[in-house]
Protein backbone atom coordinates (compact mmCIF):
# COMPACT_ATOMS: atom_id res chain seq x y z
CA MET A 1 -4.69 -102.24 -235.27
CA SER A 2 -1.25 -101.81 -236.79
CA ALA A 3 0.30 -104.64 -238.71
CA THR A 4 2.72 -105.59 -235.55
CA SER A 5 -0.13 -106.04 -233.25
CA GLN A 6 -1.96 -108.05 -235.54
CA ILE A 7 1.25 -110.11 -236.26
CA ARG A 8 1.63 -110.38 -232.23
CA THR A 9 -1.87 -111.30 -231.96
CA MET A 10 -1.62 -113.95 -234.56
CA ALA A 11 1.48 -115.17 -232.98
CA THR A 12 -0.18 -115.43 -229.62
CA ALA A 13 -3.00 -117.02 -231.10
CA ASN A 14 -1.52 -119.72 -232.89
CA HIS A 15 1.37 -120.31 -230.27
CA ALA A 16 3.79 -119.54 -232.72
CA SER A 17 7.77 -118.48 -231.75
CA LEU A 18 8.58 -115.03 -232.75
CA PRO A 19 11.89 -113.72 -232.10
CA LEU A 20 11.50 -110.87 -229.49
CA ARG A 21 14.03 -108.81 -228.12
CA LYS A 22 14.52 -106.02 -225.60
CA CYS A 23 15.44 -102.48 -225.94
CA VAL A 24 18.31 -101.28 -224.07
CA ALA A 25 17.11 -98.21 -223.60
CA CYS A 26 13.18 -98.63 -222.50
CA GLY A 27 13.19 -102.10 -222.04
CA ALA A 28 10.23 -102.89 -224.39
CA ARG A 29 10.06 -106.15 -226.10
CA LYS A 30 9.39 -106.25 -229.64
CA ILE A 31 9.71 -108.23 -232.54
CA LYS A 32 13.41 -108.34 -233.96
CA GLU A 33 12.51 -106.76 -237.11
CA GLU A 34 11.20 -103.44 -234.75
CA LEU A 35 14.60 -102.95 -233.30
CA LEU A 36 17.86 -101.71 -234.61
CA ARG A 37 20.75 -104.16 -234.05
CA VAL A 38 24.23 -103.32 -233.17
CA VAL A 39 27.29 -106.08 -232.62
CA LYS A 40 30.63 -106.08 -230.86
CA SER A 41 32.98 -106.85 -233.76
CA ALA A 42 36.07 -109.49 -233.04
CA SER A 43 37.98 -105.98 -232.74
CA GLY A 44 35.82 -104.95 -229.99
CA GLU A 45 34.27 -102.13 -231.61
CA ILE A 46 30.52 -101.54 -231.77
CA VAL A 47 28.91 -101.49 -235.28
CA PHE A 48 25.54 -101.39 -236.84
CA ASP A 49 24.20 -104.70 -238.02
CA LYS A 50 21.60 -103.71 -240.76
CA GLU A 51 20.86 -107.35 -241.66
CA SER A 52 20.89 -108.51 -238.46
CA LYS A 53 23.56 -111.22 -239.81
CA LEU A 54 26.82 -110.27 -238.21
CA PRO A 55 28.45 -112.69 -235.86
CA GLY A 56 29.00 -111.50 -232.46
CA ARG A 57 27.23 -110.20 -229.20
CA GLY A 58 24.30 -108.35 -230.14
CA ALA A 59 22.20 -105.60 -228.51
CA TYR A 60 19.07 -103.76 -229.84
CA VAL A 61 17.62 -100.62 -229.82
CA CYS A 62 13.87 -99.29 -230.70
CA LYS A 63 13.89 -97.66 -233.90
CA ASN A 64 13.10 -94.28 -232.91
CA ILE A 65 15.45 -91.40 -231.96
CA VAL A 66 14.29 -90.94 -228.32
CA CYS A 67 15.54 -94.56 -227.70
CA VAL A 68 18.92 -94.04 -229.40
CA ASN A 69 19.62 -90.78 -227.16
CA LYS A 70 18.32 -92.51 -223.98
CA ALA A 71 20.86 -95.63 -224.92
CA ALA A 72 23.57 -92.75 -225.84
CA LYS A 73 23.05 -91.20 -222.25
CA SER A 74 22.92 -94.05 -220.22
CA ARG A 75 25.74 -95.96 -222.54
CA GLY A 76 23.47 -98.98 -222.49
CA LEU A 77 24.91 -100.27 -225.77
CA GLN A 78 27.96 -100.58 -224.38
CA ARG A 79 26.69 -102.30 -221.21
CA SER A 80 25.04 -104.94 -223.37
CA VAL A 81 27.69 -105.93 -225.45
CA LYS A 82 30.23 -105.67 -222.72
CA SER A 83 32.46 -102.89 -224.35
CA ALA A 84 34.38 -100.22 -222.97
CA HIS A 85 35.61 -99.15 -226.40
CA THR A 86 36.57 -95.37 -226.48
CA ARG A 87 35.06 -95.13 -230.35
CA SER A 88 31.58 -96.61 -229.40
CA ASP A 89 30.14 -93.28 -229.28
CA ASP A 90 30.16 -93.14 -233.21
CA ILE A 91 27.62 -95.76 -233.24
CA TYR A 92 25.07 -93.71 -232.03
CA LYS A 93 25.49 -91.19 -234.58
CA ARG A 94 25.31 -94.29 -237.10
CA LEU A 95 21.95 -95.27 -235.48
CA ALA A 96 20.81 -91.23 -235.60
CA LEU A 97 21.77 -91.36 -239.53
CA GLU A 98 19.87 -94.56 -240.00
CA LEU A 99 16.82 -93.33 -238.67
CA ASP A 100 16.96 -90.12 -240.57
CA GLY A 101 16.92 -91.95 -244.01
């Protein structure tokens, strides 16, 4: 059993509330720490939120390249943060770099 599964099991057993979020690409519900967060900034640009502390409307995607590519193809992040910003495609490159290292 993975550490994440153990945490979920413990949380369910203890009726504790863990912050779950939904991936915009695959729709899986996961613990916040298992996902990458992006935020719509005040200027309307979508930026990567590494520390998950930036203010603004956020969206989450799984920490794998398959979900990042799926979100890029469906423009899921733009839809989730309600942004039609034309430079939003840069966020997918930024997320891919984050996953690489």
